[in-house]
Amino acid sequence: MTKTTKTKHSEEHIVLVDKNNNVLGTTSKLAAHNKNTPLHRGFSVFLFNKEGKLLLQQRSKTKKTWPLVWSNSCCGHPFLDESSVDAAKRRLKFELGITHAEIFEIISDFTYKIELDGIMENEICPILIGFSDQEPRINKDEINDIAWIKWNKFIENIKNNPDKYSEWCVLETEQLKNNKKFLSLYYNRVNYVRVN
């Protein structure tokens, strides 16, 4: 049985940017996500445990975008003047109750634009990985369910069942799976925690 936490969270704003990631302003996250969502900053985290398993989340049924779709560990939007690493730590705490995680930015300039059911995502979205031994305590306002999966099994699932996952998760996995920085951190970190 999964532990659950609920936290009040004020309305979020997103940081609007041009194609060079220069700030244009901020606006309401909920209002901005529609069929013509403007380009804005996001981030995406793939969180691993000491066994090297990836934490997946099934998005809440109340989400405006991609409800009940399985995705990577955590996604969100940085505040103005907030780094992607700090934003990732903030959202991991809010969504999953994770307060102790090592976070590394792997790809800083990943950009994607996708649409589902009349809602578009349009982001400059750094891809981050993290490592934590904490047991998640999910915020049911954000997450319906979680699962741990071996990285190689996850890559196989993405290949065979891409429609099960959010499109950004599929695209980002493709970016990560052969990335030298990611592979070095992953295997060194997993080996490190296994022997200590």
N, C-alpha and C. Protein backbone atom coordinates (compact mmCIF):
# COMPACT_ATOMS: atom_id res chain seq x y z
N MET A 1 0.84 -1.18 0.00
CA MET A 1 0.00 0.00 0.00
C MET A 1 0.88 1.24 0.00
N THR A 2 0.55 2.21 -0.85
CA THR A 2 1.39 3.39 -1.00
C THR A 2 0.99 4.47 -0.01
N LYS A 3 1.97 5.04 0.65
CA LYS A 3 1.69 6.16 1.53
C LYS A 3 1.32 7.38 0.70
N THR A 4 0.48 8.23 1.25
CA THR A 4 -0.01 9.39 0.51
C THR A 4 0.22 10.65 1.32
N THR A 5 0.56 11.73 0.63
CA THR A 5 0.69 13.03 1.27
C THR A 5 -0.07 14.06 0.45
N LYS A 6 -0.67 15.01 1.14
CA LYS A 6 -1.36 16.10 0.46
C LYS A 6 -0.77 17.41 0.94
N THR A 7 -0.53 18.30 0.02
CA THR A 7 0.05 19.59 0.35
C THR A 7 -0.67 20.66 -0.45
N LYS A 8 -1.01 21.77 0.18
CA LYS A 8 -1.59 22.87 -0.55
C LYS A 8 -0.53 23.45 -1.47
N HIS A 9 -0.95 23.80 -2.67
CA HIS A 9 -0.01 24.33 -3.64
C HIS A 9 -0.69 25.45 -4.39
N SER A 10 -0.12 26.65 -4.32
CA SER A 10 -0.72 27.80 -4.97
C SER A 10 -0.65 27.64 -6.48
N GLU A 11 -1.45 28.42 -7.19
CA GLU A 11 -1.46 28.33 -8.64
C GLU A 11 -0.07 28.60 -9.19
N GLU A 12 0.36 27.74 -10.07
CA GLU A 12 1.69 27.86 -10.65
C GLU A 12 1.68 28.76 -11.87
N HIS A 13 2.84 29.35 -12.11
CA HIS A 13 3.07 30.13 -13.32
C HIS A 13 4.20 29.48 -14.11
N ILE A 14 4.16 29.66 -15.41
CA ILE A 14 5.23 29.16 -16.27
C ILE A 14 6.02 30.34 -16.81
N VAL A 15 7.27 30.06 -17.17
CA VAL A 15 8.16 31.07 -17.70
C VAL A 15 8.16 30.97 -19.22
N LEU A 16 7.64 32.00 -19.87
CA LEU A 16 7.59 32.03 -21.33
C LEU A 16 8.95 32.43 -21.88
N VAL A 17 9.38 31.76 -22.95
CA VAL A 17 10.70 32.02 -23.53
C VAL A 17 10.62 32.03 -25.05
N ASP A 18 11.69 32.59 -25.67
CA ASP A 18 11.81 32.46 -27.12
C ASP A 18 12.63 31.21 -27.43
N LYS A 19 12.89 30.95 -28.70
CA LYS A 19 13.57 29.71 -29.08
C LYS A 19 15.00 29.63 -28.57
N ASN A 20 15.56 30.77 -28.14
CA ASN A 20 16.90 30.79 -27.55
C ASN A 20 16.86 30.76 -26.03
N ASN A 21 15.69 30.51 -25.46
CA ASN A 21 15.48 30.41 -24.02
C ASN A 21 15.62 31.74 -23.30
N ASN A 22 15.42 32.83 -24.01
CA ASN A 22 15.38 34.15 -23.39
C ASN A 22 13.99 34.39 -22.80
N VAL A 23 13.93 34.90 -21.58
CA VAL A 23 12.65 35.08 -20.89
C VAL A 23 11.83 36.18 -21.55
N LEU A 24 10.55 35.86 -21.81
CA LEU A 24 9.60 36.82 -22.36
C LEU A 24 8.60 37.29 -21.32
N GLY A 25 8.45 36.51 -20.24
CA GLY A 25 7.49 36.86 -19.21
C GLY A 25 6.98 35.60 -18.52
N THR A 26 5.95 35.75 -17.71
CA THR A 26 5.33 34.60 -17.04
C THR A 26 3.82 34.67 -17.24
N THR A 27 3.18 33.50 -17.08
CA THR A 27 1.73 33.44 -17.18
C THR A 27 1.22 32.23 -16.41
N SER A 28 -0.07 32.15 -16.18
CA SER A 28 -0.68 31.05 -15.47
C SER A 28 -0.48 29.73 -16.22
N LYS A 29 -0.04 28.70 -15.49
CA LYS A 29 0.17 27.39 -16.12
C LYS A 29 -1.13 26.83 -16.68
N LEU A 30 -2.19 26.88 -15.88
CA LEU A 30 -3.46 26.29 -16.33
C LEU A 30 -4.02 27.02 -17.54
N ALA A 31 -3.97 28.35 -17.50
CA ALA A 31 -4.53 29.13 -18.61
C ALA A 31 -3.72 28.96 -19.89
N ALA A 32 -2.42 28.79 -19.75
CA ALA A 32 -1.54 28.75 -20.92
C ALA A 32 -1.59 27.43 -21.67
N HIS A 33 -1.92 26.35 -20.96
CA HIS A 33 -1.93 25.04 -21.62
C HIS A 33 -3.26 24.82 -22.34
N ASN A 34 -3.21 25.00 -23.65
CA ASN A 34 -4.38 24.85 -24.51
C ASN A 34 -3.90 24.39 -25.88
N LYS A 35 -4.69 24.62 -26.91
CA LYS A 35 -4.29 24.14 -28.24
C LYS A 35 -3.17 24.98 -28.86
N ASN A 36 -2.89 26.14 -28.25
CA ASN A 36 -1.82 27.01 -28.75
C ASN A 36 -0.85 27.38 -27.62
N THR A 37 -0.46 26.43 -26.82
CA THR A 37 0.42 26.68 -25.69
C THR A 37 1.72 27.34 -26.16
N PRO A 38 2.08 28.48 -25.56
CA PRO A 38 3.32 29.14 -25.97
C PRO A 38 4.55 28.40 -25.46
N LEU A 39 5.68 28.62 -26.12
CA LEU A 39 6.93 28.00 -25.70
C LEU A 39 7.29 28.47 -24.29
N HIS A 40 7.64 27.51 -23.44
CA HIS A 40 7.95 27.85 -22.05
C HIS A 40 8.96 26.85 -21.50
N ARG A 41 9.47 27.15 -20.30
CA ARG A 41 10.46 26.28 -19.67
C ARG A 41 9.78 25.16 -18.88
N GLY A 42 10.35 23.99 -18.99
CA GLY A 42 9.92 22.85 -18.19
C GLY A 42 11.15 22.11 -17.69
N PHE A 43 10.94 20.96 -17.12
CA PHE A 43 12.01 20.04 -16.77
C PHE A 43 11.41 18.65 -16.61
N SER A 44 12.25 17.64 -16.69
CA SER A 44 11.77 16.27 -16.60
C SER A 44 12.81 15.44 -15.88
N VAL A 45 12.36 14.64 -14.88
CA VAL A 45 13.27 13.88 -14.03
C VAL A 45 13.01 12.38 -14.17
N PHE A 46 14.11 11.63 -14.27
CA PHE A 46 14.09 10.18 -14.21
C PHE A 46 14.80 9.80 -12.92
N LEU A 47 14.05 9.29 -11.93
CA LEU A 47 14.59 9.00 -10.60
C LEU A 47 14.82 7.50 -10.43
N PHE A 48 16.01 7.15 -9.95
CA PHE A 48 16.40 5.75 -9.78
C PHE A 48 16.65 5.44 -8.31
N ASN A 49 16.41 4.19 -7.92
CA ASN A 49 16.72 3.75 -6.57
C ASN A 49 18.09 3.06 -6.54
N LYS A 50 18.47 2.53 -5.39
CA LYS A 50 19.80 1.95 -5.24
C LYS A 50 20.00 0.70 -6.08
N GLU A 51 18.90 0.09 -6.52
CA GLU A 51 18.99 -1.09 -7.39
C GLU A 51 19.05 -0.71 -8.86
N GLY A 52 19.01 0.59 -9.13
CA GLY A 52 19.03 1.04 -10.52
C GLY A 52 17.68 1.00 -11.20
N LYS A 53 16.62 0.81 -10.42
CA LYS A 53 15.28 0.79 -11.01
C LYS A 53 14.73 2.21 -11.15
N LEU A 54 13.99 2.43 -12.21
CA LEU A 54 13.38 3.72 -12.51
C LEU A 54 12.00 3.81 -11.87
N LEU A 55 11.70 4.95 -11.27
CA LEU A 55 10.38 5.21 -10.71
C LEU A 55 9.49 5.80 -11.80
N LEU A 56 8.39 5.12 -12.09
CA LEU A 56 7.38 5.63 -13.03
C LEU A 56 6.18 6.14 -12.25
N GLN A 57 5.50 7.11 -12.81
CA GLN A 57 4.27 7.58 -12.20
C GLN A 57 3.13 7.54 -13.22
N GLN A 58 1.94 7.20 -12.71
CA GLN A 58 0.73 7.33 -13.51
C GLN A 58 0.07 8.64 -13.10
N ARG A 59 -0.09 9.53 -14.05
CA ARG A 59 -0.59 10.86 -13.74
C ARG A 59 -2.03 10.80 -13.22
N SER A 60 -2.36 11.73 -12.34
CA SER A 60 -3.69 11.77 -11.73
C SER A 60 -4.79 11.93 -12.79
N LYS A 61 -5.94 11.37 -12.51
CA LYS A 61 -7.07 11.51 -13.44
C LYS A 61 -7.59 12.94 -13.50
N THR A 62 -7.20 13.78 -12.54
CA THR A 62 -7.65 15.18 -12.54
C THR A 62 -6.72 16.11 -13.30
N LYS A 63 -5.62 15.58 -13.84
CA LYS A 63 -4.68 16.41 -14.59
C LYS A 63 -5.33 16.94 -15.87
N LYS A 64 -5.06 18.20 -16.18
CA LYS A 64 -5.57 18.79 -17.42
C LYS A 64 -4.88 18.16 -18.63
N THR A 65 -3.61 17.81 -18.46
CA THR A 65 -2.84 17.23 -19.55
C THR A 65 -2.47 15.78 -19.25
N TRP A 66 -2.76 14.90 -20.18
CA TRP A 66 -2.39 13.49 -20.13
C TRP A 66 -2.83 12.80 -18.83
N PRO A 67 -4.11 12.90 -18.45
CA PRO A 67 -4.58 12.21 -17.24
C PRO A 67 -4.47 10.69 -17.37
N LEU A 68 -4.06 10.04 -16.28
CA LEU A 68 -3.93 8.58 -16.15
C LEU A 68 -2.91 7.95 -17.09
N VAL A 69 -2.10 8.77 -17.74
CA VAL A 69 -1.04 8.26 -18.60
C VAL A 69 0.20 8.01 -17.75
N TRP A 70 0.91 6.92 -18.02
CA TRP A 70 2.16 6.63 -17.32
C TRP A 70 3.28 7.48 -17.90
N SER A 71 4.16 7.92 -17.02
CA SER A 71 5.25 8.80 -17.46
C SER A 71 6.46 8.59 -16.56
N ASN A 72 7.51 9.34 -16.83
CA ASN A 72 8.71 9.27 -16.01
C ASN A 72 8.44 9.86 -14.63
N SER A 73 9.43 9.84 -13.77
CA SER A 73 9.24 10.06 -12.33
C SER A 73 8.55 11.36 -11.97
N CYS A 74 8.96 12.45 -12.61
CA CYS A 74 8.46 13.76 -12.22
C CYS A 74 8.73 14.76 -13.33
N CYS A 75 7.78 15.63 -13.58
CA CYS A 75 7.93 16.72 -14.55
C CYS A 75 7.37 17.99 -13.94
N GLY A 76 7.73 19.11 -14.49
CA GLY A 76 7.18 20.36 -13.98
C GLY A 76 7.76 21.56 -14.68
N HIS A 77 7.59 22.70 -14.04
CA HIS A 77 8.00 23.97 -14.61
C HIS A 77 8.78 24.77 -13.57
N PRO A 78 9.97 25.24 -13.92
CA PRO A 78 10.73 26.06 -12.98
C PRO A 78 10.10 27.43 -12.80
N PHE A 79 10.29 27.99 -11.62
CA PHE A 79 9.91 29.38 -11.38
C PHE A 79 10.92 30.29 -12.08
N LEU A 80 10.58 31.55 -12.20
CA LEU A 80 11.51 32.53 -12.74
C LEU A 80 12.76 32.55 -11.87
N ASP A 81 13.93 32.48 -12.47
CA ASP A 81 15.23 32.49 -11.78
C ASP A 81 15.48 31.26 -10.92
N GLU A 82 14.74 30.17 -11.15
CA GLU A 82 14.97 28.92 -10.45
C GLU A 82 15.66 27.95 -11.40
N SER A 83 16.71 27.29 -10.94
CA SER A 83 17.41 26.32 -11.78
C SER A 83 16.55 25.07 -11.98
N SER A 84 16.86 24.32 -13.02
CA SER A 84 16.10 23.09 -13.26
C SER A 84 16.33 22.09 -12.13
N VAL A 85 17.52 22.05 -11.55
CA VAL A 85 17.80 21.14 -10.45
C VAL A 85 16.99 21.52 -9.21
N ASP A 86 16.94 22.81 -8.89
CA ASP A 86 16.14 23.25 -7.73
C ASP A 86 14.66 23.01 -7.97
N ALA A 87 14.21 23.24 -9.20
CA ALA A 87 12.81 22.99 -9.52
C ALA A 87 12.48 21.51 -9.39
N ALA A 88 13.40 20.67 -9.83
CA ALA A 88 13.19 19.22 -9.73
C ALA A 88 13.08 18.79 -8.28
N LYS A 89 13.95 19.31 -7.41
CA LYS A 89 13.88 18.97 -5.99
C LYS A 89 12.57 19.43 -5.37
N ARG A 90 12.11 20.60 -5.76
CA ARG A 90 10.84 21.12 -5.24
C ARG A 90 9.68 20.21 -5.63
N ARG A 91 9.63 19.82 -6.90
CA ARG A 91 8.51 19.00 -7.37
C ARG A 91 8.59 17.56 -6.86
N LEU A 92 9.80 17.02 -6.71
CA LEU A 92 9.93 15.68 -6.14
C LEU A 92 9.37 15.65 -4.73
N LYS A 93 9.62 16.70 -3.97
CA LYS A 93 9.08 16.79 -2.61
C LYS A 93 7.56 16.91 -2.65
N PHE A 94 7.04 17.75 -3.53
CA PHE A 94 5.60 18.00 -3.60
C PHE A 94 4.82 16.80 -4.11
N GLU A 95 5.32 16.17 -5.17
CA GLU A 95 4.58 15.07 -5.80
C GLU A 95 4.82 13.72 -5.13
N LEU A 96 6.06 13.50 -4.66
CA LEU A 96 6.46 12.16 -4.22
C LEU A 96 6.99 12.10 -2.79
N GLY A 97 7.03 13.23 -2.11
CA GLY A 97 7.55 13.24 -0.75
C GLY A 97 9.03 12.94 -0.66
N ILE A 98 9.74 13.06 -1.78
CA ILE A 98 11.19 12.78 -1.82
C ILE A 98 11.93 14.06 -1.45
N THR A 99 12.64 14.03 -0.33
CA THR A 99 13.38 15.21 0.14
C THR A 99 14.89 15.04 0.06
N HIS A 100 15.34 13.83 -0.20
CA HIS A 100 16.77 13.56 -0.32
C HIS A 100 17.03 12.84 -1.63
N ALA A 101 17.56 13.58 -2.59
CA ALA A 101 17.88 13.00 -3.89
C ALA A 101 19.06 13.75 -4.49
N GLU A 102 19.93 13.01 -5.12
CA GLU A 102 21.00 13.61 -5.91
C GLU A 102 20.46 13.81 -7.31
N ILE A 103 20.53 15.04 -7.81
CA ILE A 103 19.96 15.37 -9.11
C ILE A 103 21.06 15.87 -10.04
N PHE A 104 21.04 15.39 -11.28
CA PHE A 104 22.03 15.80 -12.27
C PHE A 104 21.31 16.18 -13.57
N GLU A 105 21.69 17.32 -14.13
CA GLU A 105 21.14 17.71 -15.43
C GLU A 105 21.96 17.04 -16.52
N ILE A 106 21.30 16.27 -17.36
CA ILE A 106 21.98 15.51 -18.41
C ILE A 106 21.94 16.24 -19.74
N ILE A 107 20.78 16.72 -20.12
CA ILE A 107 20.60 17.45 -21.39
C ILE A 107 19.88 18.75 -21.06
N SER A 108 20.51 19.87 -21.38
CA SER A 108 19.96 21.17 -20.96
C SER A 108 19.03 21.81 -21.97
N ASP A 109 19.10 21.39 -23.23
CA ASP A 109 18.38 22.13 -24.27
C ASP A 109 17.37 21.28 -25.04
N PHE A 110 16.90 20.19 -24.43
CA PHE A 110 15.90 19.36 -25.11
C PHE A 110 14.61 20.16 -25.30
N THR A 111 14.07 20.14 -26.51
CA THR A 111 12.84 20.88 -26.84
C THR A 111 11.85 19.92 -27.50
N TYR A 112 10.60 20.05 -27.12
CA TYR A 112 9.58 19.21 -27.77
C TYR A 112 8.26 19.96 -27.85
N LYS A 113 7.45 19.54 -28.81
CA LYS A 113 6.10 20.09 -29.00
C LYS A 113 5.19 18.92 -29.37
N ILE A 114 4.21 18.64 -28.53
CA ILE A 114 3.29 17.53 -28.77
C ILE A 114 1.87 17.96 -28.42
N GLU A 115 0.88 17.22 -28.91
CA GLU A 115 -0.52 17.59 -28.66
C GLU A 115 -1.35 16.34 -28.42
N LEU A 116 -2.29 16.43 -27.48
CA LEU A 116 -3.23 15.36 -27.21
C LEU A 116 -4.56 15.95 -26.76
N ASP A 117 -5.64 15.53 -27.41
CA ASP A 117 -6.99 15.96 -27.03
C ASP A 117 -7.13 17.48 -26.93
N GLY A 118 -6.51 18.18 -27.87
CA GLY A 118 -6.65 19.63 -27.91
C GLY A 118 -5.76 20.39 -26.95
N ILE A 119 -4.87 19.70 -26.25
CA ILE A 119 -3.92 20.35 -25.34
C ILE A 119 -2.51 20.13 -25.88
N MET A 120 -1.77 21.22 -26.00
CA MET A 120 -0.41 21.15 -26.51
C MET A 120 0.60 21.35 -25.39
N GLU A 121 1.69 20.59 -25.45
CA GLU A 121 2.87 20.88 -24.64
C GLU A 121 3.93 21.42 -25.58
N ASN A 122 4.61 22.48 -25.16
CA ASN A 122 5.56 23.17 -26.02
C ASN A 122 6.67 23.71 -25.11
N GLU A 123 7.73 22.93 -24.92
CA GLU A 123 8.69 23.24 -23.87
C GLU A 123 10.15 23.15 -24.31
N ILE A 124 10.96 24.00 -23.72
CA ILE A 124 12.39 23.76 -23.59
C ILE A 124 12.53 23.06 -22.26
N CYS A 125 12.94 21.80 -22.31
CA CYS A 125 12.76 20.89 -21.17
C CYS A 125 14.05 20.14 -20.83
N PRO A 126 14.90 20.68 -19.96
CA PRO A 126 16.08 19.93 -19.54
C PRO A 126 15.69 18.55 -19.01
N ILE A 127 16.52 17.56 -19.34
CA ILE A 127 16.30 16.19 -18.86
C ILE A 127 17.29 15.94 -17.73
N LEU A 128 16.74 15.54 -16.58
CA LEU A 128 17.55 15.30 -15.39
C LEU A 128 17.40 13.87 -14.93
N ILE A 129 18.43 13.38 -14.25
CA ILE A 129 18.31 12.10 -13.58
C ILE A 129 18.59 12.31 -12.09
N GLY A 130 18.05 11.43 -11.29
CA GLY A 130 18.27 11.53 -9.85
C GLY A 130 18.40 10.15 -9.23
N PHE A 131 18.96 10.15 -8.02
CA PHE A 131 19.12 8.92 -7.26
C PHE A 131 18.65 9.16 -5.83
N SER A 132 17.80 8.27 -5.34
CA SER A 132 17.29 8.40 -3.98
C SER A 132 16.91 7.03 -3.44
N ASP A 133 17.12 6.86 -2.15
CA ASP A 133 16.72 5.62 -1.48
C ASP A 133 15.44 5.80 -0.68
N GLN A 134 14.84 6.98 -0.75
CA GLN A 134 13.62 7.24 0.01
C GLN A 134 12.42 6.51 -0.58
N GLU A 135 11.52 6.09 0.28
CA GLU A 135 10.25 5.51 -0.17
C GLU A 135 9.32 6.65 -0.57
N PRO A 136 8.79 6.63 -1.78
CA PRO A 136 7.87 7.70 -2.19
C PRO A 136 6.60 7.72 -1.36
N ARG A 137 6.08 8.91 -1.12
CA ARG A 137 4.76 9.12 -0.50
C ARG A 137 3.99 10.02 -1.46
N ILE A 138 3.12 9.39 -2.25
CA ILE A 138 2.55 10.12 -3.38
C ILE A 138 1.46 11.11 -2.97
N ASN A 139 1.45 12.22 -3.68
CA ASN A 139 0.41 13.23 -3.56
C ASN A 139 -0.69 12.85 -4.55
N LYS A 140 -1.82 12.40 -4.04
CA LYS A 140 -2.88 11.87 -4.91
C LYS A 140 -3.52 12.94 -5.79
N ASP A 141 -3.29 14.21 -5.48
CA ASP A 141 -3.76 15.27 -6.38
C ASP A 141 -2.93 15.30 -7.67
N GLU A 142 -1.73 14.73 -7.61
CA GLU A 142 -0.82 14.77 -8.74
C GLU A 142 -0.62 13.41 -9.40
N ILE A 143 -0.64 12.35 -8.60
CA ILE A 143 -0.24 11.03 -9.07
C ILE A 143 -1.29 9.99 -8.69
N ASN A 144 -1.66 9.15 -9.64
CA ASN A 144 -2.62 8.08 -9.37
C ASN A 144 -1.93 6.83 -8.82
N ASP A 145 -0.73 6.52 -9.36
CA ASP A 145 -0.03 5.31 -8.94
C ASP A 145 1.44 5.43 -9.33
N ILE A 146 2.27 4.56 -8.76
CA ILE A 146 3.68 4.52 -9.10
C ILE A 146 4.11 3.07 -9.32
N ALA A 147 5.25 2.91 -9.97
CA ALA A 147 5.83 1.58 -10.18
C ALA A 147 7.32 1.73 -10.38
N TRP A 148 8.07 0.73 -9.92
CA TRP A 148 9.51 0.67 -10.16
C TRP A 148 9.78 -0.33 -11.27
N ILE A 149 10.73 -0.01 -12.16
CA ILE A 149 11.02 -0.90 -13.28
C ILE A 149 12.51 -0.85 -13.60
N LYS A 150 13.06 -2.00 -13.96
CA LYS A 150 14.46 -2.04 -14.38
C LYS A 150 14.62 -1.22 -15.66
N TRP A 151 15.73 -0.51 -15.74
CA TRP A 151 15.96 0.41 -16.87
C TRP A 151 15.88 -0.31 -18.22
N ASN A 152 16.53 -1.46 -18.35
CA ASN A 152 16.49 -2.17 -19.63
C ASN A 152 15.08 -2.66 -19.97
N LYS A 153 14.33 -3.07 -18.96
CA LYS A 153 12.95 -3.49 -19.18
C LYS A 153 12.09 -2.31 -19.61
N PHE A 154 12.36 -1.14 -19.02
CA PHE A 154 11.63 0.06 -19.39
C PHE A 154 11.90 0.43 -20.85
N ILE A 155 13.15 0.38 -21.28
CA ILE A 155 13.48 0.68 -22.67
C ILE A 155 12.75 -0.29 -23.61
N GLU A 156 12.68 -1.55 -23.21
CA GLU A 156 11.96 -2.54 -24.00
C GLU A 156 10.47 -2.21 -24.06
N ASN A 157 9.89 -1.80 -22.92
CA ASN A 157 8.47 -1.43 -22.89
C ASN A 157 8.18 -0.23 -23.77
N ILE A 158 9.07 0.76 -23.71
CA ILE A 158 8.91 1.96 -24.54
C ILE A 158 8.90 1.58 -26.02
N LYS A 159 9.79 0.67 -26.38
CA LYS A 159 9.87 0.24 -27.78
C LYS A 159 8.62 -0.52 -28.21
N ASN A 160 8.13 -1.39 -27.35
CA ASN A 160 7.00 -2.26 -27.71
C ASN A 160 5.63 -1.65 -27.45
N ASN A 161 5.55 -0.75 -26.45
CA ASN A 161 4.25 -0.16 -26.07
C ASN A 161 4.37 1.35 -25.86
N PRO A 162 4.80 2.09 -26.87
CA PRO A 162 4.99 3.52 -26.67
C PRO A 162 3.72 4.27 -26.30
N ASP A 163 2.57 3.77 -26.71
CA ASP A 163 1.31 4.45 -26.42
C ASP A 163 0.92 4.38 -24.95
N LYS A 164 1.59 3.53 -24.17
CA LYS A 164 1.31 3.42 -22.74
C LYS A 164 1.85 4.63 -21.97
N TYR A 165 2.83 5.32 -22.59
CA TYR A 165 3.55 6.38 -21.88
C TYR A 165 3.31 7.75 -22.52
N SER A 166 3.56 8.80 -21.74
CA SER A 166 3.47 10.15 -22.29
C SER A 166 4.49 10.28 -23.42
N GLU A 167 4.13 11.09 -24.41
CA GLU A 167 5.03 11.24 -25.56
C GLU A 167 6.37 11.84 -25.16
N TRP A 168 6.35 12.77 -24.19
CA TRP A 168 7.63 13.36 -23.79
C TRP A 168 8.52 12.32 -23.11
N CYS A 169 7.91 11.41 -22.38
CA CYS A 169 8.67 10.35 -21.73
C CYS A 169 9.35 9.47 -22.78
N VAL A 170 8.64 9.13 -23.84
CA VAL A 170 9.19 8.33 -24.93
C VAL A 170 10.34 9.07 -25.60
N LEU A 171 10.12 10.34 -25.92
CA LEU A 171 11.15 11.13 -26.59
C LEU A 171 12.39 11.29 -25.72
N GLU A 172 12.18 11.53 -24.43
CA GLU A 172 13.31 11.74 -23.52
C GLU A 172 14.08 10.45 -23.27
N THR A 173 13.39 9.34 -23.23
CA THR A 173 14.07 8.05 -23.08
C THR A 173 14.99 7.80 -24.27
N GLU A 174 14.53 8.15 -25.46
CA GLU A 174 15.37 8.02 -26.64
C GLU A 174 16.62 8.87 -26.52
N GLN A 175 16.49 10.05 -25.93
CA GLN A 175 17.64 10.93 -25.73
C GLN A 175 18.61 10.36 -24.70
N LEU A 176 18.07 9.72 -23.66
CA LEU A 176 18.91 9.24 -22.57
C LEU A 176 19.62 7.92 -22.85
N LYS A 177 18.98 7.02 -23.53
CA LYS A 177 19.42 5.62 -23.52
C LYS A 177 20.83 5.41 -24.07
N ASN A 178 21.30 6.30 -24.95
CA ASN A 178 22.67 6.18 -25.47
C ASN A 178 23.54 7.38 -25.07
N ASN A 179 23.06 8.19 -24.13
CA ASN A 179 23.80 9.38 -23.71
C ASN A 179 24.96 8.98 -22.78
N LYS A 180 26.17 9.36 -23.16
CA LYS A 180 27.35 8.93 -22.41
C LYS A 180 27.36 9.47 -20.98
N LYS A 181 26.95 10.72 -20.81
CA LYS A 181 26.93 11.31 -19.47
C LYS A 181 25.96 10.55 -18.57
N PHE A 182 24.78 10.26 -19.10
CA PHE A 182 23.80 9.50 -18.33
C PHE A 182 24.32 8.11 -17.98
N LEU A 183 24.82 7.39 -18.98
CA LEU A 183 25.27 6.02 -18.75
C LEU A 183 26.40 5.96 -17.73
N SER A 184 27.32 6.92 -17.80
CA SER A 184 28.42 6.96 -16.84
C SER A 184 27.91 7.20 -15.43
N LEU A 185 27.05 8.18 -15.26
CA LEU A 185 26.48 8.47 -13.93
C LEU A 185 25.66 7.30 -13.42
N TYR A 186 24.83 6.76 -14.27
CA TYR A 186 23.94 5.67 -13.86
C TYR A 186 24.75 4.46 -13.37
N TYR A 187 25.66 3.98 -14.19
CA TYR A 187 26.38 2.77 -13.81
C TYR A 187 27.35 3.00 -12.67
N ASN A 188 27.99 4.16 -12.63
CA ASN A 188 28.88 4.46 -11.50
C ASN A 188 28.10 4.63 -10.21
N ARG A 189 26.97 5.29 -10.28
CA ARG A 189 26.18 5.55 -9.07
C ARG A 189 25.54 4.26 -8.57
N VAL A 190 24.99 3.49 -9.46
CA VAL A 190 24.35 2.24 -9.05
C VAL A 190 25.39 1.29 -8.46
N ASN A 191 26.54 1.18 -9.08
CA ASN A 191 27.61 0.34 -8.54
C ASN A 191 28.05 0.84 -7.17
N TYR A 192 28.12 2.16 -7.02
CA TYR A 192 28.56 2.75 -5.76
C TYR A 192 27.62 2.39 -4.63
N VAL A 193 26.30 2.57 -4.85
CA VAL A 193 25.38 2.30 -3.75
C VAL A 193 25.26 0.81 -3.49
N ARG A 194 25.55 -0.02 -4.45
CA ARG A 194 25.47 -1.46 -4.23
C ARG A 194 26.56 -1.97 -3.28
N VAL A 195 27.72 -1.32 -3.28
CA VAL A 195 28.82 -1.83 -2.48
C VAL A 195 28.95 -1.12 -1.15
N ASN A 196 28.08 -0.18 -0.85
CA ASN A 196 28.16 0.55 0.42
C ASN A 196 26.91 0.32 1.26
